[in-house]
């Protein structure tokens, strides 16, 4: 086994968000997400079957929730999103990478 680093292997040109599964099984998935100015499409919401715990390791983002105020996330901030809590990414920093750690359980 060799260690990996959350802050390496970041693509230079981030035209699309990067989703990378780091570990998981039938019950849990841990992924790294890298954003740079990307956001969810204007229509539609994420409506997931599982809980999603999200931590911003680097950068900034804004999450929107249906029928609720948006939430600003900065480095070190995390949130637990329950199943079927409709949400979307409203904004990520266009000038710097936002690196997320997401745990779906």
Protein backbone atom coordinates (compact mmCIF):
# COMPACT_ATOMS: atom_id res chain seq x y z
CA UNK A 1 0.00 0.00 0.00
CA UNK A 2 1.09 3.55 -0.74
CA UNK A 3 -0.38 6.75 0.68
CA UNK A 4 -2.06 9.26 -1.59
CA UNK A 5 -2.54 12.98 -1.04
CA UNK A 6 -5.84 14.88 -1.36
CA UNK A 7 -4.07 17.89 -2.88
CA UNK A 8 -2.15 16.15 -5.67
CA UNK A 9 -3.21 14.97 -9.11
CA UNK A 10 -5.44 17.99 -9.65
CA UNK A 11 -6.04 18.58 -13.36
CA UNK A 12 -4.67 21.87 -14.67
CA UNK A 13 -7.72 22.56 -16.84
CA UNK A 14 -10.91 22.06 -14.84
CA UNK A 15 -13.59 22.52 -17.51
CA UNK A 16 -15.70 19.95 -15.67
CA UNK A 17 -15.94 18.91 -12.04
CA UNK A 18 -13.83 15.91 -11.12
CA UNK A 19 -15.41 13.07 -9.12
CA UNK A 20 -12.97 10.46 -7.79
CA UNK A 21 -14.04 7.54 -5.62
CA UNK A 22 -11.40 7.06 -2.93
CA UNK A 23 -12.93 4.11 -1.06
CA UNK A 24 -16.22 2.38 -0.59
CA UNK A 25 -18.38 -0.71 -0.40
CA UNK A 26 -22.09 -1.49 -0.73
CA UNK A 27 -22.94 0.77 2.24
CA UNK A 28 -20.46 3.67 2.07
CA UNK A 29 -18.72 5.64 -0.68
CA UNK A 30 -15.99 8.22 -0.02
CA UNK A 31 -15.12 10.57 -2.87
CA UNK A 32 -13.04 13.60 -3.68
CA UNK A 33 -14.75 16.26 -5.76
CA UNK A 34 -12.81 19.10 -7.37
CA UNK A 35 -14.68 22.17 -8.61
CA UNK A 36 -13.54 25.46 -10.10
CA UNK A 37 -16.49 27.69 -10.90
CA UNK A 38 -18.84 24.79 -11.62
CA UNK A 39 -22.35 24.67 -10.24
CA UNK A 40 -25.44 22.54 -10.64
CA UNK A 41 -27.72 23.13 -13.64
CA UNK A 42 -30.44 25.77 -13.02
CA UNK A 43 -33.21 23.18 -13.18
CA UNK A 44 -33.34 20.03 -11.10
CA UNK A 45 -32.07 19.04 -7.67
CA UNK A 46 -29.91 16.30 -6.21
CA UNK A 47 -32.36 13.94 -4.46
CA UNK A 48 -30.20 11.14 -3.09
CA UNK A 49 -31.14 7.84 -1.47
CA UNK A 50 -28.33 8.03 1.11
CA UNK A 51 -26.98 10.55 3.60
CA UNK A 52 -24.15 12.71 2.28
CA UNK A 53 -21.60 14.22 4.63
CA UNK A 54 -19.57 16.90 2.84
CA UNK A 55 -16.40 18.71 3.98
CA UNK A 56 -14.73 21.58 2.12
CA UNK A 57 -11.01 20.89 2.39
CA UNK A 58 -9.96 23.84 0.23
CA UNK A 59 -11.82 26.73 -1.37
CA UNK A 60 -15.36 28.02 -1.02
CA UNK A 61 -18.84 27.00 -2.14
CA UNK A 62 -22.52 27.75 -1.70
CA UNK A 63 -25.11 24.99 -1.35
CA UNK A 64 -28.78 25.68 -2.03
CA UNK A 65 -31.57 23.65 -0.47
CA UNK A 66 -35.14 23.50 -1.69
CA UNK A 67 -37.39 25.81 0.37
CA UNK A 68 -34.46 26.98 2.51
CA UNK A 69 -31.77 29.65 2.52
CA UNK A 70 -28.46 28.90 0.84
CA UNK A 71 -25.49 27.90 2.98
CA UNK A 72 -21.96 29.29 2.51
CA UNK A 73 -19.17 26.76 3.04
CA UNK A 74 -15.55 27.77 3.61
CA UNK A 75 -12.43 25.69 4.23
CA UNK A 76 -13.04 23.34 7.12
CA UNK A 77 -16.84 23.65 7.01
CA UNK A 78 -18.90 20.48 6.76
CA UNK A 79 -22.56 19.58 6.56
CA UNK A 80 -24.58 16.39 6.74
CA UNK A 81 -27.32 16.19 4.11
CA UNK A 82 -30.06 13.69 4.96
CA UNK A 83 -31.57 11.38 2.33
CA UNK A 84 -34.00 13.09 -0.07
CA UNK A 85 -33.05 16.59 1.12
CA UNK A 86 -33.12 18.31 -2.26
CA UNK A 87 -30.00 20.39 -2.83
CA UNK A 88 -27.65 21.75 -5.47
CA UNK A 89 -24.32 23.51 -5.76
CA UNK A 90 -25.16 27.16 -6.32
CA UNK A 91 -21.58 28.47 -6.60
CA UNK A 92 -17.94 27.44 -6.37
CA UNK A 93 -14.95 29.77 -6.49
CA UNK A 94 -14.06 30.39 -10.16
CA UNK A 95 -10.53 31.58 -9.29
CA UNK A 96 -9.36 28.66 -7.15
CA UNK A 97 -10.08 24.97 -6.81
CA UNK A 98 -12.67 23.86 -4.29
CA UNK A 99 -11.77 20.42 -2.98
CA UNK A 100 -14.58 18.50 -1.29
CA UNK A 101 -14.53 15.27 0.66
CA UNK A 102 -17.93 13.57 0.38
CA UNK A 103 -19.07 10.50 2.31
CA UNK A 104 -22.25 8.83 1.06
CA UNK A 105 -23.64 6.43 3.66
